[in-house]
N, C-alpha and C. Protein backbone atom coordinates (compact mmCIF):
# COMPACT_ATOMS: atom_id res chain seq x y z
N MET A 1 97.34 89.47 69.93
CA MET A 1 98.62 90.07 70.28
C MET A 1 99.63 88.96 70.57
N LYS A 2 100.77 89.05 69.97
CA LYS A 2 101.85 88.10 70.24
C LYS A 2 102.43 88.43 71.61
N ARG A 3 102.91 87.40 72.30
CA ARG A 3 103.43 87.64 73.64
C ARG A 3 104.62 88.60 73.63
N GLU A 4 105.42 88.56 72.58
CA GLU A 4 106.58 89.45 72.48
C GLU A 4 106.16 90.92 72.37
N GLU A 5 104.90 91.15 72.00
CA GLU A 5 104.39 92.51 71.87
C GLU A 5 103.71 93.00 73.14
N SER A 6 103.54 92.12 74.12
CA SER A 6 102.84 92.53 75.35
C SER A 6 103.83 93.11 76.36
N ILE A 7 103.36 94.08 77.06
CA ILE A 7 104.19 94.79 78.04
C ILE A 7 104.60 93.86 79.17
N ASP A 8 103.63 93.13 79.73
CA ASP A 8 103.93 92.27 80.87
C ASP A 8 104.95 91.19 80.51
N TYR A 9 104.84 90.61 79.32
CA TYR A 9 105.80 89.58 78.91
C TYR A 9 107.22 90.16 78.88
N ASN A 10 107.37 91.33 78.29
CA ASN A 10 108.70 91.94 78.17
C ASN A 10 109.29 92.32 79.53
N ILE A 11 108.45 92.82 80.43
CA ILE A 11 108.94 93.14 81.77
C ILE A 11 109.37 91.87 82.48
N LYS A 12 108.53 90.84 82.40
CA LYS A 12 108.84 89.57 83.07
C LYS A 12 110.09 88.92 82.47
N ALA A 13 110.19 88.91 81.14
CA ALA A 13 111.35 88.31 80.48
C ALA A 13 112.63 89.04 80.87
N ALA A 14 112.56 90.37 80.91
CA ALA A 14 113.74 91.15 81.31
C ALA A 14 114.12 90.86 82.75
N TRP A 15 113.11 90.81 83.64
CA TRP A 15 113.42 90.54 85.05
C TRP A 15 114.02 89.14 85.21
N HIS A 16 113.50 88.15 84.50
CA HIS A 16 114.06 86.80 84.60
C HIS A 16 115.51 86.77 84.11
N ALA A 17 115.80 87.50 83.05
CA ALA A 17 117.18 87.55 82.55
C ALA A 17 118.09 88.21 83.57
N ILE A 18 117.62 89.30 84.17
CA ILE A 18 118.41 89.99 85.21
C ILE A 18 118.61 89.07 86.40
N SER A 19 117.55 88.42 86.81
CA SER A 19 117.61 87.52 87.97
C SER A 19 118.59 86.36 87.73
N ARG A 20 118.54 85.77 86.52
CA ARG A 20 119.49 84.70 86.17
C ARG A 20 120.93 85.22 86.23
N MET A 21 121.14 86.42 85.69
CA MET A 21 122.47 87.01 85.70
C MET A 21 122.95 87.23 87.14
N TYR A 22 122.07 87.80 87.98
CA TYR A 22 122.42 88.01 89.39
C TYR A 22 122.70 86.68 90.09
N ASN A 23 121.88 85.67 89.82
CA ASN A 23 122.09 84.37 90.47
C ASN A 23 123.41 83.74 90.06
N GLN A 24 123.81 83.93 88.80
CA GLN A 24 125.10 83.40 88.36
C GLN A 24 126.24 84.03 89.15
N GLN A 25 126.10 85.31 89.47
CA GLN A 25 127.11 85.99 90.29
C GLN A 25 127.00 85.53 91.75
N ALA A 26 125.77 85.52 92.26
CA ALA A 26 125.53 85.25 93.68
C ALA A 26 126.00 83.86 94.09
N VAL A 27 125.77 82.87 93.23
CA VAL A 27 126.11 81.50 93.58
C VAL A 27 127.61 81.35 93.84
N GLN A 28 128.41 82.18 93.21
CA GLN A 28 129.86 82.14 93.44
C GLN A 28 130.22 82.54 94.87
N TYR A 29 129.29 83.24 95.53
CA TYR A 29 129.55 83.74 96.88
C TYR A 29 128.63 83.11 97.93
N GLY A 30 127.96 82.03 97.53
CA GLY A 30 127.13 81.29 98.48
C GLY A 30 125.82 81.96 98.84
N ILE A 31 125.30 82.80 97.95
CA ILE A 31 124.01 83.43 98.20
C ILE A 31 123.14 83.31 96.95
N THR A 32 121.93 83.85 97.04
CA THR A 32 121.02 83.90 95.90
C THR A 32 120.64 85.36 95.66
N THR A 33 119.99 85.60 94.54
CA THR A 33 119.49 86.95 94.25
C THR A 33 118.57 87.42 95.36
N SER A 34 117.66 86.55 95.79
CA SER A 34 116.71 86.92 96.84
C SER A 34 117.41 87.29 98.14
N ILE A 35 118.38 86.49 98.54
CA ILE A 35 119.14 86.80 99.75
C ILE A 35 119.87 88.13 99.58
N GLY A 36 120.45 88.34 98.42
CA GLY A 36 121.15 89.60 98.16
C GLY A 36 120.23 90.80 98.32
N PHE A 37 119.01 90.70 97.79
CA PHE A 37 118.07 91.81 97.92
C PHE A 37 117.64 92.03 99.37
N VAL A 38 117.47 90.95 100.12
CA VAL A 38 117.15 91.12 101.54
C VAL A 38 118.29 91.83 102.25
N LEU A 39 119.50 91.38 102.00
CA LEU A 39 120.68 92.01 102.63
C LEU A 39 120.74 93.50 102.31
N LEU A 40 120.45 93.85 101.06
CA LEU A 40 120.49 95.26 100.64
C LEU A 40 119.43 96.10 101.36
N ASN A 41 118.38 95.46 101.86
CA ASN A 41 117.30 96.18 102.52
C ASN A 41 117.42 96.21 104.05
N ILE A 42 118.53 95.72 104.57
CA ILE A 42 118.78 95.75 106.01
C ILE A 42 119.80 96.84 106.29
N ASN A 43 119.43 97.75 107.18
CA ASN A 43 120.33 98.84 107.55
C ASN A 43 121.54 98.26 108.27
N THR A 44 122.72 98.53 107.75
CA THR A 44 123.94 97.93 108.26
C THR A 44 124.22 98.32 109.71
N LYS A 45 123.95 99.55 110.09
CA LYS A 45 124.27 100.02 111.44
C LYS A 45 123.13 99.82 112.44
N GLU A 46 121.91 100.16 112.04
CA GLU A 46 120.78 100.17 112.97
C GLU A 46 119.88 98.94 112.88
N GLY A 47 120.16 98.05 111.95
CA GLY A 47 119.25 96.94 111.73
C GLY A 47 117.96 97.46 111.11
N THR A 48 117.05 96.57 110.84
CA THR A 48 115.78 96.92 110.23
C THR A 48 114.67 96.10 110.88
N PRO A 49 113.54 96.73 111.21
CA PRO A 49 112.43 95.94 111.74
C PRO A 49 112.03 94.85 110.75
N ALA A 50 111.83 93.65 111.25
CA ALA A 50 111.48 92.53 110.37
C ALA A 50 110.23 92.82 109.55
N THR A 51 109.29 93.55 110.14
CA THR A 51 108.03 93.84 109.45
C THR A 51 108.20 94.83 108.30
N LYS A 52 109.31 95.53 108.23
CA LYS A 52 109.53 96.53 107.17
C LYS A 52 110.20 95.95 105.93
N ILE A 53 110.86 94.80 106.07
CA ILE A 53 111.64 94.26 104.96
C ILE A 53 110.75 93.75 103.83
N ALA A 54 109.73 92.97 104.14
CA ALA A 54 108.87 92.41 103.08
C ALA A 54 108.24 93.50 102.22
N PRO A 55 107.63 94.56 102.81
CA PRO A 55 107.05 95.60 101.96
C PRO A 55 108.09 96.31 101.09
N LEU A 56 109.31 96.47 101.59
CA LEU A 56 110.36 97.11 100.80
C LEU A 56 110.67 96.31 99.53
N MET A 57 110.49 95.00 99.62
CA MET A 57 110.84 94.12 98.52
C MET A 57 109.64 93.66 97.70
N GLY A 58 108.44 94.04 98.12
CA GLY A 58 107.24 93.59 97.43
C GLY A 58 106.96 92.12 97.64
N LEU A 59 107.31 91.62 98.83
CA LEU A 59 107.11 90.20 99.15
C LEU A 59 106.00 90.03 100.18
N GLU A 60 105.48 88.82 100.25
CA GLU A 60 104.58 88.44 101.33
C GLU A 60 105.46 88.11 102.54
N SER A 61 104.96 88.40 103.73
CA SER A 61 105.76 88.16 104.93
C SER A 61 106.08 86.68 105.11
N ARG A 62 105.18 85.77 104.66
CA ARG A 62 105.44 84.33 104.79
C ARG A 62 106.71 83.93 104.05
N SER A 63 106.87 84.45 102.83
CA SER A 63 108.06 84.13 102.04
C SER A 63 109.31 84.64 102.72
N LEU A 64 109.21 85.83 103.27
CA LEU A 64 110.37 86.43 103.92
C LEU A 64 110.74 85.68 105.19
N THR A 65 109.75 85.20 105.94
CA THR A 65 110.02 84.48 107.19
C THR A 65 110.93 83.28 106.93
N ARG A 66 110.61 82.50 105.91
CA ARG A 66 111.45 81.34 105.57
C ARG A 66 112.85 81.77 105.16
N MET A 67 112.92 82.84 104.39
CA MET A 67 114.22 83.31 103.92
C MET A 67 115.06 83.82 105.09
N LEU A 68 114.45 84.57 106.01
CA LEU A 68 115.18 85.08 107.16
C LEU A 68 115.69 83.94 108.03
N LYS A 69 114.89 82.89 108.18
CA LYS A 69 115.32 81.73 108.96
C LYS A 69 116.55 81.09 108.31
N SER A 70 116.51 80.93 107.00
CA SER A 70 117.64 80.37 106.26
C SER A 70 118.87 81.27 106.39
N MET A 71 118.67 82.58 106.28
CA MET A 71 119.79 83.52 106.38
C MET A 71 120.40 83.50 107.78
N GLU A 72 119.55 83.32 108.78
CA GLU A 72 120.06 83.23 110.16
C GLU A 72 120.87 81.95 110.34
N GLU A 73 120.38 80.85 109.78
CA GLU A 73 121.11 79.57 109.87
C GLU A 73 122.46 79.64 109.16
N LYS A 74 122.54 80.43 108.08
CA LYS A 74 123.80 80.57 107.34
C LYS A 74 124.74 81.58 107.97
N GLY A 75 124.27 82.27 109.01
CA GLY A 75 125.13 83.23 109.71
C GLY A 75 125.21 84.60 109.07
N PHE A 76 124.22 84.96 108.24
CA PHE A 76 124.21 86.28 107.59
C PHE A 76 123.55 87.35 108.46
N ILE A 77 122.59 86.93 109.29
CA ILE A 77 121.82 87.87 110.10
C ILE A 77 121.63 87.32 111.50
N TYR A 78 121.19 88.20 112.40
CA TYR A 78 120.69 87.78 113.70
C TYR A 78 119.55 88.69 114.08
N LYS A 79 118.71 88.21 115.00
CA LYS A 79 117.51 88.95 115.41
C LYS A 79 117.67 89.39 116.85
N LYS A 80 117.14 90.58 117.13
CA LYS A 80 117.11 91.10 118.50
C LYS A 80 115.79 91.83 118.70
N PRO A 81 115.25 91.78 119.93
CA PRO A 81 114.05 92.59 120.19
C PRO A 81 114.38 94.07 119.99
N ASP A 82 113.42 94.80 119.47
CA ASP A 82 113.59 96.24 119.28
C ASP A 82 113.77 96.91 120.63
N ALA A 83 114.72 97.83 120.74
CA ALA A 83 115.01 98.51 122.01
C ALA A 83 113.82 99.33 122.51
N GLU A 84 113.05 99.91 121.58
CA GLU A 84 111.92 100.75 121.98
C GLU A 84 110.61 99.99 122.05
N ASP A 85 110.40 99.04 121.16
CA ASP A 85 109.16 98.27 121.14
C ASP A 85 109.51 96.80 121.26
N LYS A 86 109.43 96.28 122.47
CA LYS A 86 109.86 94.90 122.75
C LYS A 86 109.04 93.86 121.97
N ARG A 87 107.86 94.24 121.45
CA ARG A 87 107.06 93.30 120.66
C ARG A 87 107.64 93.12 119.28
N SER A 88 108.44 94.06 118.84
CA SER A 88 109.00 94.05 117.49
C SER A 88 110.41 93.45 117.50
N VAL A 89 110.76 92.84 116.39
CA VAL A 89 112.10 92.24 116.23
C VAL A 89 112.84 93.01 115.14
N ARG A 90 114.09 93.30 115.41
CA ARG A 90 114.95 93.95 114.41
C ARG A 90 115.91 92.90 113.86
N ILE A 91 116.21 93.04 112.59
CA ILE A 91 117.15 92.15 111.90
C ILE A 91 118.45 92.92 111.74
N TYR A 92 119.55 92.29 112.16
CA TYR A 92 120.88 92.88 112.05
C TYR A 92 121.77 91.98 111.20
N LEU A 93 122.73 92.59 110.55
CA LEU A 93 123.70 91.85 109.75
C LEU A 93 124.87 91.41 110.62
N THR A 94 125.32 90.18 110.40
CA THR A 94 126.57 89.72 111.02
C THR A 94 127.71 90.26 110.15
N GLU A 95 128.93 90.01 110.58
CA GLU A 95 130.08 90.41 109.74
C GLU A 95 129.99 89.74 108.37
N LEU A 96 129.63 88.46 108.38
CA LEU A 96 129.48 87.73 107.12
C LEU A 96 128.35 88.34 106.29
N GLY A 97 127.26 88.73 106.93
CA GLY A 97 126.14 89.38 106.25
C GLY A 97 126.55 90.69 105.61
N VAL A 98 127.39 91.46 106.32
CA VAL A 98 127.89 92.74 105.77
C VAL A 98 128.74 92.46 104.53
N GLU A 99 129.57 91.42 104.58
CA GLU A 99 130.39 91.06 103.41
C GLU A 99 129.51 90.69 102.23
N LYS A 100 128.50 89.87 102.47
CA LYS A 100 127.61 89.43 101.38
C LYS A 100 126.78 90.62 100.87
N LYS A 101 126.40 91.54 101.75
CA LYS A 101 125.67 92.73 101.32
C LYS A 101 126.55 93.57 100.39
N GLU A 102 127.81 93.70 100.71
CA GLU A 102 128.73 94.48 99.89
C GLU A 102 128.89 93.85 98.50
N ILE A 103 128.96 92.53 98.46
CA ILE A 103 129.02 91.82 97.17
C ILE A 103 127.75 92.10 96.37
N SER A 104 126.60 92.05 97.04
CA SER A 104 125.32 92.32 96.38
C SER A 104 125.29 93.76 95.87
N ARG A 105 125.74 94.68 96.69
CA ARG A 105 125.74 96.10 96.31
C ARG A 105 126.62 96.32 95.08
N LYS A 106 127.80 95.73 95.08
CA LYS A 106 128.71 95.88 93.94
C LYS A 106 128.13 95.26 92.67
N THR A 107 127.45 94.13 92.82
CA THR A 107 126.85 93.46 91.66
C THR A 107 125.74 94.32 91.05
N VAL A 108 124.87 94.85 91.89
CA VAL A 108 123.78 95.70 91.41
C VAL A 108 124.35 96.98 90.79
N LYS A 109 125.34 97.55 91.45
CA LYS A 109 125.95 98.78 90.94
C LYS A 109 126.61 98.54 89.58
N ALA A 110 127.30 97.42 89.43
CA ALA A 110 127.97 97.10 88.15
C ALA A 110 126.94 96.95 87.04
N PHE A 111 125.83 96.28 87.32
CA PHE A 111 124.78 96.12 86.32
C PHE A 111 124.23 97.49 85.91
N ASN A 112 123.92 98.32 86.91
CA ASN A 112 123.37 99.64 86.61
C ASN A 112 124.36 100.49 85.83
N GLU A 113 125.62 100.46 86.20
CA GLU A 113 126.64 101.22 85.46
C GLU A 113 126.73 100.76 84.01
N ALA A 114 126.66 99.44 83.80
CA ALA A 114 126.72 98.91 82.43
C ALA A 114 125.53 99.41 81.62
N VAL A 115 124.35 99.41 82.23
CA VAL A 115 123.15 99.89 81.52
C VAL A 115 123.27 101.38 81.25
N PHE A 116 123.68 102.15 82.26
CA PHE A 116 123.81 103.61 82.10
C PHE A 116 124.86 103.97 81.05
N ASN A 117 125.91 103.14 80.93
CA ASN A 117 126.95 103.40 79.93
C ASN A 117 126.51 103.02 78.52
N LYS A 118 125.58 102.10 78.40
CA LYS A 118 125.16 101.59 77.09
C LYS A 118 123.92 102.31 76.53
N ILE A 119 123.04 102.77 77.42
CA ILE A 119 121.77 103.36 76.99
C ILE A 119 121.78 104.85 77.32
N SER A 120 121.34 105.64 76.38
CA SER A 120 121.40 107.10 76.53
C SER A 120 120.52 107.58 77.70
N PRO A 121 120.93 108.68 78.32
CA PRO A 121 120.12 109.24 79.41
C PRO A 121 118.69 109.55 78.98
N GLU A 122 118.51 109.97 77.74
CA GLU A 122 117.16 110.29 77.25
C GLU A 122 116.28 109.04 77.22
N LYS A 123 116.84 107.94 76.72
CA LYS A 123 116.07 106.70 76.67
C LYS A 123 115.78 106.18 78.08
N LEU A 124 116.76 106.30 78.98
CA LEU A 124 116.53 105.85 80.35
C LEU A 124 115.48 106.70 81.05
N GLU A 125 115.46 107.98 80.75
CA GLU A 125 114.44 108.86 81.33
C GLU A 125 113.05 108.42 80.89
N VAL A 126 112.91 108.09 79.61
CA VAL A 126 111.63 107.60 79.10
C VAL A 126 111.27 106.27 79.76
N PHE A 127 112.26 105.38 79.86
CA PHE A 127 112.04 104.08 80.50
C PHE A 127 111.51 104.25 81.92
N PHE A 128 112.18 105.07 82.72
CA PHE A 128 111.76 105.28 84.12
C PHE A 128 110.38 105.93 84.19
N ASP A 129 110.10 106.83 83.27
CA ASP A 129 108.79 107.48 83.23
C ASP A 129 107.70 106.45 82.92
N VAL A 130 107.95 105.60 81.95
CA VAL A 130 106.96 104.58 81.57
C VAL A 130 106.74 103.59 82.71
N ILE A 131 107.80 103.11 83.32
CA ILE A 131 107.67 102.17 84.44
C ILE A 131 106.89 102.81 85.59
N LEU A 132 107.18 104.07 85.89
CA LEU A 132 106.45 104.80 86.93
C LEU A 132 104.97 104.86 86.60
N GLN A 133 104.65 105.17 85.36
CA GLN A 133 103.25 105.27 84.94
C GLN A 133 102.54 103.91 85.01
N ILE A 134 103.24 102.86 84.62
CA ILE A 134 102.65 101.51 84.72
C ILE A 134 102.35 101.19 86.18
N ASN A 135 103.31 101.46 87.05
CA ASN A 135 103.09 101.20 88.48
C ASN A 135 101.94 102.03 89.04
N GLN A 136 101.82 103.27 88.59
CA GLN A 136 100.72 104.12 89.05
C GLN A 136 99.38 103.57 88.56
N LEU A 137 99.33 103.11 87.33
CA LEU A 137 98.09 102.50 86.81
C LEU A 137 97.68 101.31 87.67
N ILE A 138 98.65 100.50 88.02
CA ILE A 138 98.38 99.32 88.85
C ILE A 138 97.94 99.76 90.25
N ASP A 139 98.68 100.68 90.86
CA ASP A 139 98.35 101.16 92.21
C ASP A 139 96.98 101.82 92.26
N ASP A 140 96.65 102.57 91.22
CA ASP A 140 95.36 103.28 91.17
C ASP A 140 94.22 102.36 90.74
N LYS A 141 94.55 101.12 90.42
CA LYS A 141 93.56 100.14 89.98
C LYS A 141 92.77 100.61 88.76
N GLU A 142 93.46 101.34 87.88
CA GLU A 142 92.82 101.86 86.67
C GLU A 142 92.89 100.89 85.49
N ILE A 143 93.68 99.87 85.61
CA ILE A 143 93.95 98.98 84.47
C ILE A 143 92.67 98.46 83.84
N TYR A 144 91.76 97.93 84.64
CA TYR A 144 90.58 97.27 84.08
C TYR A 144 89.31 98.11 84.13
N SER A 145 89.40 99.32 84.65
CA SER A 145 88.19 100.14 84.79
C SER A 145 87.61 100.56 83.43
N ALA A 146 88.42 100.67 82.42
CA ALA A 146 87.95 101.11 81.11
C ALA A 146 87.62 99.93 80.19
N ILE A 147 87.80 98.71 80.69
CA ILE A 147 87.60 97.54 79.84
C ILE A 147 86.51 96.64 80.44
N ASP A 148 85.59 96.20 79.60
CA ASP A 148 84.59 95.25 80.04
C ASP A 148 85.12 93.86 79.73
N LEU A 149 85.59 93.15 80.76
CA LEU A 149 86.20 91.83 80.56
C LEU A 149 85.17 90.74 80.31
N LYS A 150 83.89 91.06 80.49
CA LYS A 150 82.84 90.05 80.34
C LYS A 150 82.37 89.91 78.90
N GLN A 151 82.85 90.74 78.02
CA GLN A 151 82.43 90.66 76.61
C GLN A 151 83.06 89.48 75.93
């Protein structure tokens, strides 16, 4: 099988192209794609528990810890103990963080609108159905159950 014919290659290639496009926009505003996605996952009014952000983004908590430290140093976020559970820390957006989140939101929205305007609803419905099924296969760990990899 040629790599261009494999599902994983095409998903990865598309994501890298999207990520490059987002980074080209983000760099103009002093952020990265990763920072933009973190900002989008922080509740603007109530903050978000630090432990909830990594799972929302499909990241390991170690990666997020470094990113949150960097974002705090840049003045995008601040941390406060949770009002109900003092052992937990909530992440809040600063005014600058809210501005950068809005830029991220507009960038993602513009990309989605461009795709929705260019690709028919029927094709997008199939796309979302296929992606959902791929994710379910992975989550259900069915991918390799029907294949003997030792042959």
